[in-house]
């Protein structure tokens, strides 16, 4: 007759472990790595903010009437006194023109439909800054 063989389980003998030495060292390494990662992330955010500031923006607050477009003409950052550049309508009475060229200040004037010039003196927009105007026609 056949006899069944059964496996016997032996209890594993574990050596005593010093629980305080290794986990503390591992925790410190993780903390240092997290702190370094936070510094890198904050440096990237600061760089992004600096890049966002490096634009010249002219914002005109005026109602030009339904169906009309506000244009800008001038000197600097690719503008011309001969041909107007359309501004972007960002609200019911807000028009924006933005450039990343911050090499020089901009002298400009806004025009409804590239035909009706705003009254008053030309706009002087400092390079790298936001300039808010409220033209009248």
N, C-alpha and C. Protein backbone atom coordinates (compact mmCIF):
# COMPACT_ATOMS: atom_id res chain seq x y z
N UNK A 1 0.80 -1.18 0.00
CA UNK A 1 0.00 0.00 0.00
C UNK A 1 0.85 1.26 0.00
N UNK A 2 0.24 2.28 -0.57
CA UNK A 2 0.96 3.54 -0.68
C UNK A 2 0.76 4.37 0.56
N UNK A 3 1.79 5.00 0.94
CA UNK A 3 1.69 5.88 2.11
C UNK A 3 1.75 7.34 1.66
N UNK A 4 1.00 8.17 2.34
CA UNK A 4 0.99 9.60 2.01
C UNK A 4 2.13 10.30 2.72
N UNK A 5 2.76 11.14 1.95
CA UNK A 5 3.81 11.95 2.56
C UNK A 5 3.23 13.33 2.82
N UNK A 6 3.41 13.83 3.94
CA UNK A 6 2.92 15.17 4.27
C UNK A 6 4.11 16.08 4.53
N UNK A 7 3.95 17.29 4.05
CA UNK A 7 5.02 18.27 4.26
C UNK A 7 4.91 18.85 5.65
N UNK A 8 6.02 18.97 6.26
CA UNK A 8 6.02 19.56 7.60
C UNK A 8 6.53 20.98 7.49
N UNK A 9 5.85 21.85 8.16
CA UNK A 9 6.24 23.26 8.14
C UNK A 9 7.18 23.50 9.30
N UNK A 10 8.26 24.15 8.98
CA UNK A 10 9.21 24.49 10.02
C UNK A 10 9.02 25.97 10.33
N UNK A 11 9.06 26.29 11.55
CA UNK A 11 8.92 27.69 11.95
C UNK A 11 10.20 28.43 11.61
N UNK A 12 10.04 29.56 10.96
CA UNK A 12 11.21 30.35 10.59
C UNK A 12 11.70 31.09 11.81
N UNK A 13 12.97 31.03 11.98
CA UNK A 13 13.56 31.73 13.12
C UNK A 13 14.02 33.08 12.61
N UNK A 14 13.49 34.11 13.21
CA UNK A 14 13.84 35.47 12.78
C UNK A 14 14.83 36.06 13.77
N UNK A 15 15.79 36.74 13.20
CA UNK A 15 16.76 37.42 14.05
C UNK A 15 16.11 38.70 14.56
N UNK A 16 16.44 39.10 15.74
CA UNK A 16 15.87 40.34 16.27
C UNK A 16 16.29 41.53 15.40
N UNK A 17 15.35 42.44 15.18
CA UNK A 17 15.60 43.59 14.31
C UNK A 17 15.58 44.86 15.17
N UNK A 18 16.57 45.70 14.94
CA UNK A 18 16.61 46.98 15.62
C UNK A 18 15.69 47.92 14.84
N UNK A 19 14.51 48.18 15.35
CA UNK A 19 13.48 48.92 14.62
C UNK A 19 13.74 50.42 14.58
N UNK A 20 14.57 50.94 15.42
CA UNK A 20 14.75 52.39 15.44
C UNK A 20 15.87 52.88 14.54
N UNK A 21 16.86 52.10 14.24
CA UNK A 21 18.01 52.60 13.49
C UNK A 21 17.70 52.81 12.01
N UNK A 22 17.23 51.81 11.31
CA UNK A 22 17.03 51.92 9.86
C UNK A 22 15.84 52.79 9.46
N UNK A 23 14.66 52.65 10.04
CA UNK A 23 13.55 53.48 9.59
C UNK A 23 13.81 54.98 9.75
N UNK A 24 14.53 55.40 10.78
CA UNK A 24 14.81 56.81 10.97
C UNK A 24 15.69 57.31 9.82
N UNK A 25 16.71 56.55 9.47
CA UNK A 25 17.58 56.96 8.38
C UNK A 25 16.79 57.02 7.07
N UNK A 26 15.93 56.07 6.80
CA UNK A 26 15.13 56.06 5.58
C UNK A 26 14.18 57.25 5.55
N UNK A 27 13.58 57.56 6.68
CA UNK A 27 12.66 58.70 6.75
C UNK A 27 13.39 59.99 6.45
N UNK A 28 14.60 60.15 6.97
CA UNK A 28 15.36 61.36 6.71
C UNK A 28 15.66 61.51 5.23
N UNK A 29 16.01 60.42 4.56
CA UNK A 29 16.30 60.48 3.13
C UNK A 29 15.07 60.91 2.34
N UNK A 30 13.93 60.36 2.67
CA UNK A 30 12.69 60.72 1.98
C UNK A 30 12.37 62.18 2.21
N UNK A 31 12.52 62.65 3.45
CA UNK A 31 12.24 64.04 3.78
C UNK A 31 13.15 64.97 2.99
N UNK A 32 14.42 64.64 2.90
CA UNK A 32 15.36 65.47 2.16
C UNK A 32 14.98 65.49 0.68
N UNK A 33 14.62 64.34 0.12
CA UNK A 33 14.23 64.28 -1.28
C UNK A 33 12.97 65.10 -1.53
N UNK A 34 12.00 65.03 -0.61
CA UNK A 34 10.77 65.81 -0.78
C UNK A 34 11.06 67.30 -0.71
N UNK A 35 11.93 67.70 0.21
CA UNK A 35 12.28 69.11 0.33
C UNK A 35 12.98 69.61 -0.93
N UNK A 36 13.86 68.80 -1.49
CA UNK A 36 14.55 69.18 -2.72
C UNK A 36 13.56 69.29 -3.88
N UNK A 37 12.61 68.37 -3.94
CA UNK A 37 11.60 68.41 -5.00
C UNK A 37 10.74 69.67 -4.88
N UNK A 38 10.41 70.07 -3.65
CA UNK A 38 9.62 71.29 -3.45
C UNK A 38 10.39 72.52 -3.91
N UNK A 39 11.70 72.55 -3.64
CA UNK A 39 12.52 73.69 -4.06
C UNK A 39 12.55 73.78 -5.58
N UNK A 40 12.69 72.65 -6.26
CA UNK A 40 12.71 72.64 -7.72
C UNK A 40 11.37 73.10 -8.27
N UNK A 41 10.27 72.63 -7.67
CA UNK A 41 8.94 73.02 -8.13
C UNK A 41 8.71 74.51 -7.95
N UNK A 42 9.14 75.07 -6.81
CA UNK A 42 8.94 76.50 -6.59
C UNK A 42 9.82 77.33 -7.52
N UNK A 43 11.00 76.83 -7.86
CA UNK A 43 11.86 77.53 -8.81
C UNK A 43 11.22 77.55 -10.19
N UNK A 44 10.58 76.45 -10.59
CA UNK A 44 9.90 76.40 -11.88
C UNK A 44 8.75 77.39 -11.91
N UNK A 45 7.98 77.48 -10.81
CA UNK A 45 6.87 78.43 -10.75
C UNK A 45 7.38 79.86 -10.88
N UNK A 46 8.48 80.18 -10.19
CA UNK A 46 9.04 81.52 -10.26
C UNK A 46 9.48 81.85 -11.68
N UNK A 47 10.08 80.88 -12.36
CA UNK A 47 10.50 81.09 -13.74
C UNK A 47 9.30 81.34 -14.63
N UNK A 48 8.21 80.59 -14.42
CA UNK A 48 7.00 80.77 -15.21
C UNK A 48 6.42 82.15 -14.98
N UNK A 49 6.39 82.61 -13.72
CA UNK A 49 5.86 83.93 -13.42
C UNK A 49 6.70 85.01 -14.09
N UNK A 50 8.03 84.85 -14.08
CA UNK A 50 8.89 85.83 -14.72
C UNK A 50 8.62 85.87 -16.21
N UNK A 51 8.41 84.72 -16.82
CA UNK A 51 8.13 84.67 -18.25
C UNK A 51 6.81 85.36 -18.56
N UNK A 52 5.82 85.19 -17.69
CA UNK A 52 4.52 85.82 -17.91
C UNK A 52 4.62 87.33 -17.80
N UNK A 53 5.49 87.83 -16.95
CA UNK A 53 5.66 89.27 -16.76
C UNK A 53 6.37 89.89 -17.96
N UNK A 54 7.11 89.14 -18.70
CA UNK A 54 7.91 89.62 -19.82
C UNK A 54 7.08 89.89 -21.07
N UNK A 55 5.94 90.53 -20.92
CA UNK A 55 5.11 90.89 -22.07
C UNK A 55 4.68 92.34 -21.92
N UNK A 56 4.51 92.98 -23.06
CA UNK A 56 3.96 94.32 -23.06
C UNK A 56 2.51 94.19 -23.47
N UNK A 57 1.62 94.80 -22.68
CA UNK A 57 0.19 94.66 -22.92
C UNK A 57 -0.48 96.03 -22.89
N UNK A 58 -1.34 96.27 -23.87
CA UNK A 58 -2.17 97.48 -23.87
C UNK A 58 -3.62 97.03 -23.80
N UNK A 59 -4.33 97.52 -22.78
CA UNK A 59 -5.73 97.17 -22.55
C UNK A 59 -6.55 98.44 -22.72
N UNK A 60 -7.49 98.40 -23.66
CA UNK A 60 -8.36 99.55 -23.91
C UNK A 60 -9.75 99.24 -23.38
N UNK A 61 -10.26 100.10 -22.50
CA UNK A 61 -11.61 99.96 -21.95
C UNK A 61 -12.50 100.96 -22.68
N UNK A 62 -13.28 100.45 -23.64
CA UNK A 62 -14.21 101.32 -24.36
C UNK A 62 -15.21 100.47 -25.13
N UNK A 63 -16.39 101.04 -25.32
CA UNK A 63 -17.44 100.38 -26.10
C UNK A 63 -17.36 100.93 -27.51
N UNK A 64 -17.03 100.08 -28.47
CA UNK A 64 -16.86 100.53 -29.85
C UNK A 64 -18.09 100.25 -30.70
N UNK A 65 -19.14 99.74 -30.09
CA UNK A 65 -20.37 99.46 -30.83
C UNK A 65 -20.37 98.05 -31.39
N UNK A 66 -21.56 97.50 -31.49
CA UNK A 66 -21.73 96.13 -31.96
C UNK A 66 -21.22 95.97 -33.39
N UNK A 67 -20.42 94.94 -33.63
CA UNK A 67 -19.91 94.66 -34.97
C UNK A 67 -18.64 95.40 -35.33
N UNK A 68 -18.17 96.30 -34.47
CA UNK A 68 -16.93 97.03 -34.75
C UNK A 68 -15.74 96.34 -34.09
N UNK A 69 -14.58 96.63 -34.61
CA UNK A 69 -13.33 96.09 -34.06
C UNK A 69 -12.39 97.24 -33.75
N UNK A 70 -11.66 97.11 -32.67
CA UNK A 70 -10.67 98.12 -32.30
C UNK A 70 -9.31 97.69 -32.84
N UNK A 71 -8.64 98.62 -33.49
CA UNK A 71 -7.31 98.37 -34.04
C UNK A 71 -6.30 99.22 -33.30
N UNK A 72 -5.03 98.87 -33.46
CA UNK A 72 -3.95 99.65 -32.87
C UNK A 72 -2.91 99.91 -33.95
N UNK A 73 -2.41 101.15 -33.98
CA UNK A 73 -1.31 101.52 -34.88
C UNK A 73 -0.24 102.18 -34.03
N UNK A 74 0.99 102.09 -34.48
CA UNK A 74 2.03 102.72 -33.70
C UNK A 74 3.43 102.39 -34.16
N UNK A 75 4.34 102.52 -33.19
CA UNK A 75 5.75 102.32 -33.46
C UNK A 75 6.34 101.44 -32.37
N UNK A 76 7.06 100.39 -32.79
CA UNK A 76 7.69 99.45 -31.86
C UNK A 76 6.93 98.14 -31.82
N UNK A 77 7.64 97.06 -31.58
CA UNK A 77 7.07 95.71 -31.44
C UNK A 77 6.25 95.29 -32.65
N UNK A 78 6.68 95.69 -33.83
CA UNK A 78 6.00 95.27 -35.05
C UNK A 78 4.79 96.09 -35.45
N UNK A 79 4.47 97.13 -34.69
CA UNK A 79 3.34 98.00 -35.07
C UNK A 79 3.76 98.96 -36.18
N UNK A 80 2.77 99.45 -36.89
CA UNK A 80 3.01 100.39 -37.99
C UNK A 80 2.00 101.52 -37.90
N UNK A 81 2.41 102.72 -38.31
CA UNK A 81 1.48 103.84 -38.38
C UNK A 81 0.65 103.76 -39.66
N UNK A 82 1.05 102.93 -40.60
CA UNK A 82 0.38 102.82 -41.90
C UNK A 82 -0.78 101.84 -41.90
N UNK A 83 -0.63 100.71 -41.20
CA UNK A 83 -1.64 99.64 -41.20
C UNK A 83 -1.94 99.25 -39.75
N UNK A 84 -3.23 99.16 -39.41
CA UNK A 84 -3.63 98.80 -38.06
C UNK A 84 -3.58 97.30 -37.80
N UNK A 85 -3.38 96.96 -36.55
CA UNK A 85 -3.40 95.57 -36.10
C UNK A 85 -4.65 95.39 -35.24
N UNK A 86 -5.50 94.40 -35.53
CA UNK A 86 -6.70 94.22 -34.71
C UNK A 86 -6.36 93.81 -33.28
N UNK A 87 -7.11 94.36 -32.34
CA UNK A 87 -6.95 94.00 -30.93
C UNK A 87 -7.93 92.87 -30.61
N UNK A 88 -7.65 92.13 -29.56
CA UNK A 88 -8.51 91.01 -29.16
C UNK A 88 -9.59 91.50 -28.21
N UNK A 89 -10.83 91.17 -28.52
CA UNK A 89 -11.96 91.53 -27.66
C UNK A 89 -12.08 90.50 -26.54
N UNK A 90 -11.84 90.92 -25.30
CA UNK A 90 -11.86 90.00 -24.16
C UNK A 90 -13.05 90.23 -23.23
N UNK A 91 -13.88 91.19 -23.54
CA UNK A 91 -15.06 91.49 -22.73
C UNK A 91 -15.97 92.45 -23.48
N UNK A 92 -17.08 92.81 -22.87
CA UNK A 92 -18.03 93.68 -23.56
C UNK A 92 -17.42 95.04 -23.92
N UNK A 93 -16.53 95.52 -23.08
CA UNK A 93 -15.90 96.81 -23.36
C UNK A 93 -14.39 96.76 -23.12
N UNK A 94 -13.77 95.60 -23.41
CA UNK A 94 -12.33 95.46 -23.17
C UNK A 94 -11.64 94.87 -24.40
N UNK A 95 -10.59 95.55 -24.83
CA UNK A 95 -9.79 95.13 -25.99
C UNK A 95 -8.34 95.05 -25.56
N UNK A 96 -7.64 93.97 -25.99
CA UNK A 96 -6.26 93.74 -25.54
C UNK A 96 -5.34 93.50 -26.74
N UNK A 97 -4.16 94.12 -26.65
CA UNK A 97 -3.08 93.83 -27.60
C UNK A 97 -1.86 93.48 -26.76
N UNK A 98 -1.22 92.35 -27.09
CA UNK A 98 -0.08 91.86 -26.32
C UNK A 98 1.07 91.51 -27.25
N UNK A 99 2.28 91.78 -26.79
CA UNK A 99 3.48 91.37 -27.52
C UNK A 99 4.53 90.86 -26.53
N UNK A 100 5.32 89.93 -26.99
CA UNK A 100 6.42 89.43 -26.14
C UNK A 100 7.71 90.20 -26.42
N UNK A 101 7.68 91.12 -27.38
CA UNK A 101 8.84 91.97 -27.68
C UNK A 101 8.91 93.06 -26.62
N UNK A 102 9.88 92.94 -25.74
CA UNK A 102 10.02 93.92 -24.65
C UNK A 102 11.31 94.72 -24.79
N UNK A 103 11.78 94.88 -26.03
CA UNK A 103 13.06 95.57 -26.23
C UNK A 103 12.92 97.09 -26.12
N UNK A 104 11.77 97.65 -26.49
CA UNK A 104 11.59 99.11 -26.44
C UNK A 104 10.17 99.46 -26.02
N UNK A 105 10.01 100.69 -25.56
CA UNK A 105 8.67 101.20 -25.26
C UNK A 105 7.89 101.33 -26.57
N UNK A 106 6.57 101.40 -26.44
CA UNK A 106 5.70 101.46 -27.61
C UNK A 106 4.93 102.77 -27.61
N UNK A 107 4.89 103.42 -28.75
CA UNK A 107 4.04 104.60 -28.94
C UNK A 107 2.93 104.17 -29.88
N UNK A 108 1.68 104.39 -29.48
CA UNK A 108 0.57 103.87 -30.28
C UNK A 108 -0.69 104.70 -30.10
N UNK A 109 -1.68 104.35 -30.91
CA UNK A 109 -3.00 104.96 -30.84
C UNK A 109 -4.00 103.90 -31.29
N UNK A 110 -5.20 103.92 -30.68
CA UNK A 110 -6.24 102.95 -31.06
C UNK A 110 -7.22 103.61 -32.03
N UNK A 111 -7.83 102.75 -32.89
CA UNK A 111 -8.68 103.22 -33.98
C UNK A 111 -9.87 102.29 -34.11
N UNK A 112 -11.09 102.83 -34.20
CA UNK A 112 -12.27 102.00 -34.43
C UNK A 112 -12.33 101.66 -35.91
N UNK A 113 -12.41 100.37 -36.21
CA UNK A 113 -12.53 99.92 -37.59
C UNK A 113 -11.37 100.33 -38.47
N UNK A 114 -10.25 100.65 -37.88
CA UNK A 114 -9.05 101.10 -38.59
C UNK A 114 -9.31 102.37 -39.41
N UNK A 115 -10.33 103.18 -38.93
CA UNK A 115 -10.66 104.42 -39.63
C UNK A 115 -10.83 105.60 -38.69
N UNK A 116 -11.48 105.41 -37.54
CA UNK A 116 -11.78 106.52 -36.63
C UNK A 116 -10.77 106.53 -35.47
N UNK A 117 -9.86 107.49 -35.49
CA UNK A 117 -8.78 107.58 -34.51
C UNK A 117 -9.30 108.10 -33.17
N UNK A 118 -8.70 107.59 -32.09
CA UNK A 118 -9.03 108.07 -30.74
C UNK A 118 -8.55 109.50 -30.59
N UNK A 119 -9.26 110.27 -29.75
CA UNK A 119 -8.87 111.66 -29.49
C UNK A 119 -7.68 111.69 -28.54
N UNK A 120 -6.98 112.81 -28.54
CA UNK A 120 -5.90 113.01 -27.58
C UNK A 120 -4.54 112.53 -28.06
N UNK A 121 -3.62 112.54 -27.11
CA UNK A 121 -2.22 112.20 -27.40
C UNK A 121 -2.03 110.70 -27.62
N UNK A 122 -0.89 110.38 -28.19
CA UNK A 122 -0.54 108.97 -28.39
C UNK A 122 -0.28 108.29 -27.04
N UNK A 123 -0.44 106.98 -27.03
CA UNK A 123 -0.17 106.16 -25.83
C UNK A 123 1.31 105.86 -25.81
N UNK A 124 1.93 105.96 -24.65
CA UNK A 124 3.30 105.49 -24.46
C UNK A 124 3.21 104.33 -23.48
N UNK A 125 3.47 103.12 -23.99
CA UNK A 125 3.40 101.90 -23.17
C UNK A 125 4.81 101.43 -22.84
N UNK A 126 5.18 101.40 -21.56
CA UNK A 126 6.52 100.92 -21.18
C UNK A 126 6.71 99.45 -21.52
N UNK A 127 7.88 99.10 -22.00
CA UNK A 127 8.20 97.72 -22.36
C UNK A 127 8.07 96.81 -21.14
N UNK A 128 7.41 95.67 -21.32
CA UNK A 128 7.26 94.68 -20.26
C UNK A 128 6.19 95.01 -19.23
N UNK A 129 5.37 96.01 -19.48
CA UNK A 129 4.33 96.43 -18.52
C UNK A 129 2.95 96.35 -19.15
N UNK A 130 1.94 96.40 -18.29
CA UNK A 130 0.54 96.45 -18.73
C UNK A 130 0.10 97.91 -18.66
N UNK A 131 -0.47 98.40 -19.75
CA UNK A 131 -0.94 99.78 -19.81
C UNK A 131 -2.44 99.77 -20.05
N UNK A 132 -3.18 100.42 -19.16
CA UNK A 132 -4.63 100.49 -19.25
C UNK A 132 -5.02 101.87 -19.77
N UNK A 133 -5.85 101.91 -20.82
CA UNK A 133 -6.28 103.20 -21.37
C UNK A 133 -7.81 103.19 -21.49
N UNK A 134 -8.38 104.40 -21.50
CA UNK A 134 -9.81 104.57 -21.71
C UNK A 134 -9.98 105.64 -22.79
N UNK A 135 -9.83 105.22 -24.05
CA UNK A 135 -9.89 106.22 -25.14
C UNK A 135 -11.30 106.74 -25.38
N UNK A 136 -11.35 107.94 -25.93
CA UNK A 136 -12.65 108.51 -26.34
C UNK A 136 -12.53 108.84 -27.83
N UNK A 137 -13.67 108.76 -28.51
CA UNK A 137 -13.70 108.95 -29.96
C UNK A 137 -14.65 110.08 -30.32
